[in-house]
């Protein structure tokens, strides 16, 4: 009986205030994933005339207001050797319906060129995008039904908006909600 009153009291007091539920994704977690994938050598082109693309030491940095994907890409074909240090901005997509957070590499294509000659391009998202999906902050239950002495009470969550914050070392996806 007392537990019901405590539960009802806490739910009713939460009706007066809105709050935030968030999921934080740390730079360290994403870099651990990138370390597991490791460096890659990818042959591209026809057999016997292939170029070797090497992607080494990919990592991310999360700063206040931004996120960046960094790596070094090597291209080797015959006597042509090109090294390119790559820095790409990242952005976050949150799909409320699926409750999925995607960390995306902005413009993931790397083009190798020298003296206005284009040697080819590679898409970084093919290698890294699949593992950069995370569960979002949306609660599984959006309606609570309670039996009280005075009858049944139904409490619904009202989700106002979703927000994305880039903080040093962390990307945070939050939803602002209240109860009605």
N, C-alpha and C. Protein backbone atom coordinates (compact mmCIF):
# COMPACT_ATOMS: atom_id res chain seq x y z
N UNK A 1 0.83 -1.19 0.00
CA UNK A 1 0.00 0.00 0.00
C UNK A 1 0.87 1.25 0.00
N UNK A 2 1.84 1.28 0.91
CA UNK A 2 2.75 2.44 0.99
C UNK A 2 3.55 2.58 -0.30
N UNK A 3 3.93 1.43 -0.86
CA UNK A 3 4.70 1.47 -2.12
C UNK A 3 3.89 2.12 -3.24
N UNK A 4 2.58 1.87 -3.25
CA UNK A 4 1.72 2.49 -4.27
C UNK A 4 1.70 4.00 -4.11
N UNK A 5 1.58 4.47 -2.86
CA UNK A 5 1.56 5.91 -2.62
C UNK A 5 2.88 6.56 -3.03
N UNK A 6 3.97 5.88 -2.73
CA UNK A 6 5.28 6.41 -3.11
C UNK A 6 5.40 6.47 -4.63
N UNK A 7 4.97 5.41 -5.30
CA UNK A 7 5.02 5.37 -6.76
C UNK A 7 4.14 6.46 -7.37
N UNK A 8 2.92 6.58 -6.87
CA UNK A 8 2.00 7.60 -7.39
C UNK A 8 2.54 9.00 -7.11
N UNK A 9 3.07 9.22 -5.91
CA UNK A 9 3.63 10.53 -5.57
C UNK A 9 4.80 10.88 -6.50
N UNK A 10 5.69 9.91 -6.72
CA UNK A 10 6.84 10.21 -7.58
C UNK A 10 6.42 10.46 -9.02
N UNK A 11 5.42 9.73 -9.51
CA UNK A 11 4.94 9.97 -10.87
C UNK A 11 4.24 11.32 -10.98
N UNK A 12 3.44 11.67 -9.98
CA UNK A 12 2.73 12.95 -10.03
C UNK A 12 3.69 14.13 -9.91
N UNK A 13 4.72 14.00 -9.10
CA UNK A 13 5.69 15.10 -9.01
C UNK A 13 6.49 15.22 -10.30
N UNK A 14 6.70 14.10 -10.99
CA UNK A 14 7.41 14.19 -12.26
C UNK A 14 6.55 14.84 -13.34
N UNK A 15 5.23 14.86 -13.13
CA UNK A 15 4.34 15.54 -14.07
C UNK A 15 4.63 17.03 -14.12
N UNK A 16 5.09 17.58 -13.01
CA UNK A 16 5.33 19.02 -12.94
C UNK A 16 6.63 19.43 -13.63
N UNK A 17 7.54 18.53 -13.79
CA UNK A 17 8.85 18.86 -14.34
C UNK A 17 9.11 18.04 -15.59
N UNK A 18 9.75 18.67 -16.55
CA UNK A 18 10.18 17.89 -17.71
C UNK A 18 11.61 17.45 -17.47
N UNK A 19 12.02 16.45 -18.20
CA UNK A 19 13.36 15.92 -18.00
C UNK A 19 13.96 15.47 -19.30
N UNK A 20 15.07 14.82 -19.15
CA UNK A 20 15.84 14.41 -20.30
C UNK A 20 16.36 13.00 -20.08
N UNK A 21 16.24 12.18 -21.10
CA UNK A 21 16.87 10.87 -21.11
C UNK A 21 17.92 10.93 -22.20
N UNK A 22 19.13 10.46 -21.89
CA UNK A 22 20.17 10.56 -22.91
C UNK A 22 21.02 9.29 -22.98
N UNK A 23 21.66 9.13 -24.12
CA UNK A 23 22.63 8.07 -24.35
C UNK A 23 23.93 8.77 -24.71
N UNK A 24 25.00 8.41 -24.02
CA UNK A 24 26.32 8.98 -24.31
C UNK A 24 27.19 7.94 -24.99
N UNK A 25 27.83 8.34 -26.07
CA UNK A 25 28.74 7.47 -26.80
C UNK A 25 30.12 8.08 -26.67
N UNK A 26 31.03 7.36 -26.05
CA UNK A 26 32.35 7.93 -25.79
C UNK A 26 33.28 7.74 -26.98
N UNK A 27 34.19 8.66 -27.09
CA UNK A 27 35.25 8.59 -28.10
C UNK A 27 36.04 7.29 -27.93
N UNK A 28 36.28 6.91 -26.69
CA UNK A 28 37.04 5.69 -26.39
C UNK A 28 36.33 4.44 -26.93
N UNK A 29 35.01 4.37 -26.77
CA UNK A 29 34.25 3.23 -27.28
C UNK A 29 34.36 3.12 -28.80
N UNK A 30 34.18 4.23 -29.49
CA UNK A 30 34.27 4.22 -30.96
C UNK A 30 35.67 3.86 -31.41
N UNK A 31 36.68 4.39 -30.72
CA UNK A 31 38.07 4.07 -31.09
C UNK A 31 38.41 2.61 -30.80
N UNK A 32 37.82 2.03 -29.75
CA UNK A 32 38.01 0.59 -29.50
C UNK A 32 37.45 -0.23 -30.67
N UNK A 33 36.29 0.16 -31.17
CA UNK A 33 35.70 -0.51 -32.33
C UNK A 33 36.62 -0.37 -33.55
N UNK A 34 37.13 0.84 -33.79
CA UNK A 34 38.02 1.05 -34.94
C UNK A 34 39.32 0.27 -34.79
N UNK A 35 39.81 0.13 -33.55
CA UNK A 35 41.01 -0.68 -33.30
C UNK A 35 40.76 -2.15 -33.63
N UNK A 36 39.57 -2.64 -33.30
CA UNK A 36 39.24 -4.04 -33.61
C UNK A 36 39.21 -4.29 -35.12
N UNK A 37 38.70 -3.33 -35.86
CA UNK A 37 38.70 -3.46 -37.32
C UNK A 37 40.14 -3.39 -37.83
N UNK A 38 40.91 -2.48 -37.24
CA UNK A 38 42.33 -2.37 -37.58
C UNK A 38 42.58 -1.75 -38.93
N UNK A 39 43.82 -1.88 -39.38
CA UNK A 39 44.23 -1.36 -40.68
C UNK A 39 43.77 -2.33 -41.77
N UNK A 40 43.56 -1.80 -42.96
CA UNK A 40 43.06 -2.60 -44.08
C UNK A 40 43.93 -2.42 -45.31
N UNK A 41 44.03 -3.48 -46.10
CA UNK A 41 44.58 -3.39 -47.45
C UNK A 41 43.48 -3.88 -48.38
N UNK A 42 43.11 -3.03 -49.32
CA UNK A 42 42.01 -3.34 -50.21
C UNK A 42 42.50 -3.28 -51.66
N UNK A 43 42.48 -4.40 -52.37
CA UNK A 43 42.84 -4.36 -53.79
C UNK A 43 41.65 -3.86 -54.61
N UNK A 44 41.91 -2.97 -55.56
CA UNK A 44 40.85 -2.46 -56.44
C UNK A 44 41.36 -2.47 -57.87
N UNK A 45 40.51 -2.87 -58.78
CA UNK A 45 40.86 -2.90 -60.20
C UNK A 45 40.90 -4.31 -60.73
N UNK A 46 41.27 -4.43 -62.00
CA UNK A 46 41.34 -5.73 -62.66
C UNK A 46 42.54 -6.51 -62.16
N UNK A 47 42.40 -7.83 -62.10
CA UNK A 47 43.48 -8.70 -61.65
C UNK A 47 44.70 -8.50 -62.54
N UNK A 48 45.86 -8.36 -61.94
CA UNK A 48 47.09 -8.11 -62.68
C UNK A 48 47.38 -6.63 -62.83
N UNK A 49 46.35 -5.79 -62.68
CA UNK A 49 46.52 -4.33 -62.80
C UNK A 49 45.82 -3.65 -61.62
N UNK A 50 45.99 -4.25 -60.44
CA UNK A 50 45.28 -3.76 -59.26
C UNK A 50 46.08 -2.70 -58.52
N UNK A 51 45.32 -1.78 -57.97
CA UNK A 51 45.89 -0.81 -57.04
C UNK A 51 45.63 -1.34 -55.63
N UNK A 52 46.53 -1.10 -54.72
CA UNK A 52 46.36 -1.49 -53.31
C UNK A 52 46.11 -0.23 -52.50
N UNK A 53 44.96 -0.19 -51.86
CA UNK A 53 44.61 0.89 -50.96
C UNK A 53 44.85 0.39 -49.54
N UNK A 54 45.57 1.16 -48.75
CA UNK A 54 45.83 0.79 -47.36
C UNK A 54 45.28 1.90 -46.47
N UNK A 55 44.46 1.50 -45.52
CA UNK A 55 43.90 2.45 -44.56
C UNK A 55 44.49 2.09 -43.21
N UNK A 56 45.21 3.03 -42.61
CA UNK A 56 45.92 2.76 -41.36
C UNK A 56 45.44 3.64 -40.22
N UNK A 57 45.38 3.04 -39.06
CA UNK A 57 45.12 3.70 -37.78
C UNK A 57 43.96 4.69 -37.81
N UNK A 58 42.74 4.22 -38.13
CA UNK A 58 41.60 5.13 -38.07
C UNK A 58 41.22 5.42 -36.61
N UNK A 59 40.80 6.64 -36.35
CA UNK A 59 40.32 7.01 -35.02
C UNK A 59 39.42 8.23 -35.12
N UNK A 60 38.68 8.49 -34.06
CA UNK A 60 37.80 9.65 -34.01
C UNK A 60 38.18 10.55 -32.84
N UNK A 61 37.82 11.82 -32.97
CA UNK A 61 37.94 12.76 -31.85
C UNK A 61 36.61 13.49 -31.73
N UNK A 62 36.13 13.61 -30.50
CA UNK A 62 34.91 14.35 -30.22
C UNK A 62 35.31 15.60 -29.45
N UNK A 63 34.99 16.74 -30.01
CA UNK A 63 35.27 18.03 -29.39
C UNK A 63 33.95 18.74 -29.10
N UNK A 64 34.04 19.86 -28.44
CA UNK A 64 32.85 20.67 -28.17
C UNK A 64 32.25 21.11 -29.52
N UNK A 65 31.08 20.63 -29.85
CA UNK A 65 30.40 21.05 -31.06
C UNK A 65 30.74 20.29 -32.33
N UNK A 66 31.67 19.34 -32.30
CA UNK A 66 32.03 18.63 -33.54
C UNK A 66 32.66 17.27 -33.26
N UNK A 67 32.67 16.45 -34.30
CA UNK A 67 33.33 15.15 -34.25
C UNK A 67 34.11 14.98 -35.55
N UNK A 68 35.24 14.29 -35.47
CA UNK A 68 36.10 14.15 -36.64
C UNK A 68 36.63 12.72 -36.75
N UNK A 69 36.63 12.19 -37.96
CA UNK A 69 37.21 10.88 -38.28
C UNK A 69 38.57 11.14 -38.91
N UNK A 70 39.60 10.44 -38.43
CA UNK A 70 40.96 10.67 -38.93
C UNK A 70 41.62 9.33 -39.26
N UNK A 71 42.37 9.31 -40.34
CA UNK A 71 43.12 8.12 -40.74
C UNK A 71 44.19 8.53 -41.75
N UNK A 72 45.04 7.58 -42.09
CA UNK A 72 46.02 7.78 -43.16
C UNK A 72 45.73 6.74 -44.23
N UNK A 73 45.63 7.20 -45.47
CA UNK A 73 45.32 6.32 -46.60
C UNK A 73 46.52 6.31 -47.55
N UNK A 74 46.92 5.10 -47.95
CA UNK A 74 48.01 4.92 -48.91
C UNK A 74 47.44 4.31 -50.18
N UNK A 75 47.97 4.75 -51.31
CA UNK A 75 47.59 4.20 -52.61
C UNK A 75 48.87 3.74 -53.29
N UNK A 76 48.87 2.49 -53.78
CA UNK A 76 50.06 1.97 -54.45
C UNK A 76 49.63 1.19 -55.69
N UNK A 77 50.19 1.61 -56.82
CA UNK A 77 49.95 0.91 -58.08
C UNK A 77 51.18 1.13 -58.96
N UNK A 78 51.88 0.06 -59.23
CA UNK A 78 53.12 0.18 -60.02
C UNK A 78 54.11 1.06 -59.29
N UNK A 79 54.57 2.11 -59.96
CA UNK A 79 55.55 3.03 -59.36
C UNK A 79 54.89 4.21 -58.65
N UNK A 80 53.56 4.25 -58.67
CA UNK A 80 52.83 5.35 -58.03
C UNK A 80 52.56 4.99 -56.58
N UNK A 81 53.06 5.82 -55.68
CA UNK A 81 52.81 5.70 -54.24
C UNK A 81 52.32 7.04 -53.73
N UNK A 82 51.12 7.06 -53.16
CA UNK A 82 50.56 8.31 -52.64
C UNK A 82 50.11 8.06 -51.20
N UNK A 83 50.44 9.02 -50.35
CA UNK A 83 50.01 8.98 -48.95
C UNK A 83 49.13 10.21 -48.71
N UNK A 84 48.00 9.99 -48.05
CA UNK A 84 47.10 11.11 -47.77
C UNK A 84 46.60 11.00 -46.33
N UNK A 85 46.79 12.06 -45.57
CA UNK A 85 46.23 12.15 -44.22
C UNK A 85 44.80 12.66 -44.37
N UNK A 86 43.86 11.89 -43.85
CA UNK A 86 42.44 12.18 -44.05
C UNK A 86 41.82 12.66 -42.75
N UNK A 87 41.07 13.75 -42.85
CA UNK A 87 40.29 14.29 -41.73
C UNK A 87 38.91 14.58 -42.27
N UNK A 88 37.92 13.85 -41.77
CA UNK A 88 36.54 14.02 -42.24
C UNK A 88 35.65 14.36 -41.05
N UNK A 89 34.76 15.30 -41.27
CA UNK A 89 33.77 15.62 -40.24
C UNK A 89 32.80 14.45 -40.10
N UNK A 90 32.26 14.32 -38.91
CA UNK A 90 31.24 13.31 -38.65
C UNK A 90 29.97 14.01 -38.17
N UNK A 91 28.86 13.37 -38.41
CA UNK A 91 27.60 13.89 -37.89
C UNK A 91 26.80 12.72 -37.32
N UNK A 92 25.77 13.06 -36.57
CA UNK A 92 24.96 12.04 -35.90
C UNK A 92 23.54 12.12 -36.44
N UNK A 93 22.99 10.95 -36.77
CA UNK A 93 21.58 10.85 -37.14
C UNK A 93 20.88 10.03 -36.05
N UNK A 94 19.74 10.53 -35.59
CA UNK A 94 18.94 9.77 -34.64
C UNK A 94 17.58 9.52 -35.26
N UNK A 95 17.23 8.26 -35.45
CA UNK A 95 15.93 7.87 -35.98
C UNK A 95 15.05 7.49 -34.79
N UNK A 96 14.08 8.34 -34.49
CA UNK A 96 13.24 8.12 -33.32
C UNK A 96 12.40 6.85 -33.47
N UNK A 97 11.86 6.61 -34.66
CA UNK A 97 10.99 5.44 -34.87
C UNK A 97 11.73 4.13 -34.63
N UNK A 98 12.95 4.02 -35.14
CA UNK A 98 13.76 2.81 -34.95
C UNK A 98 14.56 2.85 -33.66
N UNK A 99 14.67 4.04 -33.05
CA UNK A 99 15.47 4.27 -31.84
C UNK A 99 16.94 3.89 -32.08
N UNK A 100 17.47 4.32 -33.22
CA UNK A 100 18.85 4.01 -33.60
C UNK A 100 19.63 5.30 -33.80
N UNK A 101 20.83 5.33 -33.23
CA UNK A 101 21.77 6.44 -33.41
C UNK A 101 22.83 5.98 -34.40
N UNK A 102 23.06 6.77 -35.45
CA UNK A 102 24.09 6.47 -36.44
C UNK A 102 25.16 7.55 -36.41
N UNK A 103 26.41 7.15 -36.23
CA UNK A 103 27.52 8.08 -36.42
C UNK A 103 27.93 7.96 -37.88
N UNK A 104 27.90 9.05 -38.61
CA UNK A 104 28.14 9.03 -40.05
C UNK A 104 29.38 9.86 -40.40
N UNK A 105 30.14 9.36 -41.37
CA UNK A 105 31.28 10.10 -41.89
C UNK A 105 30.76 10.98 -43.02
N UNK A 106 30.96 12.29 -42.88
CA UNK A 106 30.51 13.22 -43.90
C UNK A 106 31.44 13.12 -45.10
N UNK A 107 30.88 13.01 -46.29
CA UNK A 107 31.65 12.86 -47.53
C UNK A 107 32.73 11.79 -47.37
N UNK A 108 32.33 10.51 -47.30
CA UNK A 108 33.27 9.43 -46.98
C UNK A 108 34.20 9.00 -48.12
N UNK A 109 34.12 9.65 -49.27
CA UNK A 109 34.94 9.25 -50.41
C UNK A 109 36.32 9.89 -50.35
N UNK A 110 37.34 9.06 -50.58
CA UNK A 110 38.73 9.54 -50.64
C UNK A 110 39.19 9.38 -52.08
N UNK A 111 39.62 10.48 -52.70
CA UNK A 111 40.12 10.45 -54.06
C UNK A 111 41.63 10.65 -54.04
N UNK A 112 42.33 9.77 -54.73
CA UNK A 112 43.79 9.91 -54.84
C UNK A 112 44.10 10.56 -56.18
N UNK A 113 44.89 11.63 -56.11
CA UNK A 113 45.26 12.35 -57.32
C UNK A 113 46.66 12.93 -57.17
N UNK A 114 47.28 13.13 -58.30
CA UNK A 114 48.60 13.75 -58.33
C UNK A 114 48.73 14.46 -59.67
N UNK A 115 49.15 15.71 -59.62
CA UNK A 115 49.34 16.53 -60.82
C UNK A 115 48.12 16.46 -61.74
N UNK A 116 46.96 16.71 -61.18
CA UNK A 116 45.68 16.72 -61.88
C UNK A 116 45.30 15.39 -62.50
N UNK A 117 45.96 14.31 -62.13
CA UNK A 117 45.60 12.98 -62.60
C UNK A 117 44.90 12.23 -61.47
N UNK A 118 43.70 11.74 -61.77
CA UNK A 118 42.88 11.03 -60.79
C UNK A 118 43.18 9.54 -60.87
N UNK A 119 43.60 8.93 -59.74
CA UNK A 119 43.95 7.51 -59.72
C UNK A 119 42.83 6.61 -59.19
N UNK A 120 41.80 7.19 -58.65
CA UNK A 120 40.68 6.40 -58.14
C UNK A 120 40.16 6.93 -56.82
N UNK A 121 39.10 6.27 -56.34
CA UNK A 121 38.53 6.68 -55.06
C UNK A 121 38.06 5.47 -54.29
N UNK A 122 37.94 5.66 -52.99
CA UNK A 122 37.47 4.60 -52.09
C UNK A 122 36.46 5.20 -51.12
N UNK A 123 35.49 4.40 -50.72
CA UNK A 123 34.43 4.83 -49.82
C UNK A 123 34.69 4.29 -48.42
N UNK A 124 35.01 5.17 -47.48
CA UNK A 124 35.29 4.76 -46.10
C UNK A 124 34.07 4.19 -45.38
N UNK A 125 32.89 4.63 -45.78
CA UNK A 125 31.69 4.19 -45.07
C UNK A 125 31.44 2.69 -45.24
N UNK A 126 31.93 2.09 -46.32
CA UNK A 126 31.76 0.65 -46.53
C UNK A 126 32.43 -0.13 -45.40
N UNK A 127 33.58 0.34 -44.95
CA UNK A 127 34.34 -0.36 -43.91
C UNK A 127 33.85 -0.05 -42.50
N UNK A 128 33.45 1.18 -42.25
CA UNK A 128 33.27 1.61 -40.86
C UNK A 128 31.84 1.90 -40.44
N UNK A 129 30.93 2.14 -41.37
CA UNK A 129 29.61 2.64 -41.01
C UNK A 129 28.75 1.64 -40.25
N UNK A 130 28.82 0.36 -40.57
CA UNK A 130 27.91 -0.63 -39.97
C UNK A 130 28.05 -0.73 -38.46
N UNK A 131 29.25 -0.61 -37.94
CA UNK A 131 29.45 -0.74 -36.50
C UNK A 131 29.24 0.53 -35.72
N UNK A 132 28.95 1.61 -36.41
CA UNK A 132 28.75 2.88 -35.72
C UNK A 132 27.26 3.17 -35.53
N UNK A 133 26.51 2.12 -35.19
CA UNK A 133 25.07 2.24 -34.89
C UNK A 133 24.87 1.84 -33.43
N UNK A 134 24.07 2.64 -32.74
CA UNK A 134 23.86 2.43 -31.31
C UNK A 134 22.37 2.55 -30.99
N UNK A 135 21.98 1.93 -29.89
CA UNK A 135 20.60 2.02 -29.41
C UNK A 135 20.35 3.42 -28.89
N UNK A 136 19.20 3.98 -29.19
CA UNK A 136 18.86 5.34 -28.78
C UNK A 136 18.24 5.43 -27.40
N UNK A 137 17.87 6.65 -26.98
CA UNK A 137 17.38 6.88 -25.62
C UNK A 137 15.87 6.69 -25.42
N UNK A 138 15.12 6.41 -26.47
CA UNK A 138 13.66 6.31 -26.33
C UNK A 138 13.29 5.15 -25.40
N UNK A 139 12.45 5.40 -24.41
CA UNK A 139 12.01 4.32 -23.52
C UNK A 139 11.16 3.30 -24.27
N UNK A 140 11.24 2.05 -23.84
CA UNK A 140 10.44 0.99 -24.48
C UNK A 140 8.96 1.16 -24.18
N UNK A 141 8.66 1.62 -22.97
CA UNK A 141 7.27 1.80 -22.56
C UNK A 141 6.97 3.30 -22.53
N UNK A 142 5.95 3.72 -23.26
CA UNK A 142 5.61 5.14 -23.31
C UNK A 142 4.32 5.46 -22.57
N UNK A 143 3.65 4.42 -22.06
CA UNK A 143 2.42 4.60 -21.29
C UNK A 143 2.49 3.72 -20.05
N UNK A 144 2.11 4.29 -18.91
CA UNK A 144 2.09 3.55 -17.65
C UNK A 144 0.65 3.54 -17.15
N UNK A 145 0.15 2.36 -16.81
CA UNK A 145 -1.21 2.23 -16.26
C UNK A 145 -1.09 1.72 -14.83
N UNK A 146 -1.76 2.44 -13.91
CA UNK A 146 -1.71 2.09 -12.49
C UNK A 146 -3.12 1.91 -11.93
N UNK A 147 -3.24 0.97 -11.01
CA UNK A 147 -4.50 0.81 -10.29
C UNK A 147 -4.32 1.48 -8.93
N UNK A 148 -5.24 2.35 -8.60
CA UNK A 148 -5.20 3.02 -7.30
C UNK A 148 -6.55 2.82 -6.60
N UNK A 149 -6.62 3.30 -5.38
CA UNK A 149 -7.87 3.22 -4.62
C UNK A 149 -8.97 3.99 -5.34
N UNK A 150 -8.60 5.08 -5.98
CA UNK A 150 -9.58 5.92 -6.67
C UNK A 150 -9.87 5.45 -8.10
N UNK A 151 -9.21 4.42 -8.54
CA UNK A 151 -9.44 3.91 -9.90
C UNK A 151 -8.13 3.78 -10.67
N UNK A 152 -8.26 3.64 -11.96
CA UNK A 152 -7.08 3.48 -12.81
C UNK A 152 -6.54 4.84 -13.25
N UNK A 153 -5.22 4.92 -13.31
CA UNK A 153 -4.55 6.12 -13.79
C UNK A 153 -3.70 5.73 -14.99
N UNK A 154 -3.77 6.53 -16.03
CA UNK A 154 -2.93 6.31 -17.21
C UNK A 154 -2.01 7.52 -17.34
N UNK A 155 -0.72 7.24 -17.43
CA UNK A 155 0.27 8.31 -17.56
C UNK A 155 1.01 8.09 -18.87
N UNK A 156 1.01 9.12 -19.71
CA UNK A 156 1.69 9.06 -21.00
C UNK A 156 2.93 9.93 -20.98
N UNK A 157 3.96 9.45 -21.68
CA UNK A 157 5.16 10.26 -21.85
C UNK A 157 4.95 11.15 -23.06
N UNK A 158 5.28 12.41 -22.91
CA UNK A 158 5.19 13.37 -24.00
C UNK A 158 6.61 13.73 -24.41
N UNK A 159 7.03 13.24 -25.55
CA UNK A 159 8.39 13.53 -26.01
C UNK A 159 8.35 14.81 -26.82
N UNK A 160 9.06 15.82 -26.33
CA UNK A 160 9.02 17.14 -26.94
C UNK A 160 9.96 17.25 -28.14
N UNK A 161 11.21 16.82 -27.96
CA UNK A 161 12.20 16.95 -29.04
C UNK A 161 13.40 16.08 -28.73
N UNK A 162 14.20 15.83 -29.75
CA UNK A 162 15.47 15.13 -29.54
C UNK A 162 16.60 16.13 -29.78
N UNK A 163 17.69 15.93 -29.07
CA UNK A 163 18.83 16.84 -29.14
C UNK A 163 20.12 16.04 -29.26
N UNK A 164 21.09 16.62 -29.95
CA UNK A 164 22.40 15.98 -30.10
C UNK A 164 23.45 16.98 -29.63
N UNK A 165 24.31 16.51 -28.71
CA UNK A 165 25.37 17.35 -28.16
C UNK A 165 26.72 16.73 -28.46
N UNK A 166 27.64 17.53 -28.95
CA UNK A 166 29.03 17.10 -29.07
C UNK A 166 29.79 17.75 -27.93
N UNK A 167 30.34 16.94 -27.05
CA UNK A 167 31.10 17.42 -25.91
C UNK A 167 32.49 16.82 -25.99
N UNK A 168 33.46 17.36 -25.27
CA UNK A 168 34.81 16.78 -25.32
C UNK A 168 34.79 15.30 -24.92
N UNK A 169 35.15 14.43 -25.86
CA UNK A 169 35.23 13.00 -25.59
C UNK A 169 33.92 12.23 -25.65
N UNK A 170 32.80 12.93 -25.89
CA UNK A 170 31.49 12.27 -25.84
C UNK A 170 30.54 12.88 -26.87
N UNK A 171 29.72 12.03 -27.47
CA UNK A 171 28.55 12.47 -28.24
C UNK A 171 27.35 12.03 -27.43
N UNK A 172 26.43 12.96 -27.19
CA UNK A 172 25.26 12.65 -26.38
C UNK A 172 24.00 12.90 -27.19
N UNK A 173 23.12 11.90 -27.24
CA UNK A 173 21.82 12.03 -27.89
C UNK A 173 20.77 11.98 -26.79
N UNK A 174 19.93 13.00 -26.74
CA UNK A 174 18.95 13.10 -25.65
C UNK A 174 17.56 13.36 -26.22
N UNK A 175 16.56 12.94 -25.45
CA UNK A 175 15.19 13.32 -25.76
C UNK A 175 14.64 14.06 -24.55
N UNK A 176 13.95 15.14 -24.83
CA UNK A 176 13.33 15.97 -23.80
C UNK A 176 11.89 15.49 -23.66
N UNK A 177 11.50 15.11 -22.45
CA UNK A 177 10.16 14.59 -22.26
C UNK A 177 9.56 15.05 -20.96
N UNK A 178 8.25 14.93 -20.89
CA UNK A 178 7.53 15.12 -19.64
C UNK A 178 6.36 14.14 -19.63
N UNK A 179 5.66 14.09 -18.52
CA UNK A 179 4.53 13.18 -18.37
C UNK A 179 3.24 13.97 -18.44
N UNK A 180 2.22 13.35 -19.01
CA UNK A 180 0.91 14.01 -19.04
C UNK A 180 -0.17 13.01 -18.69
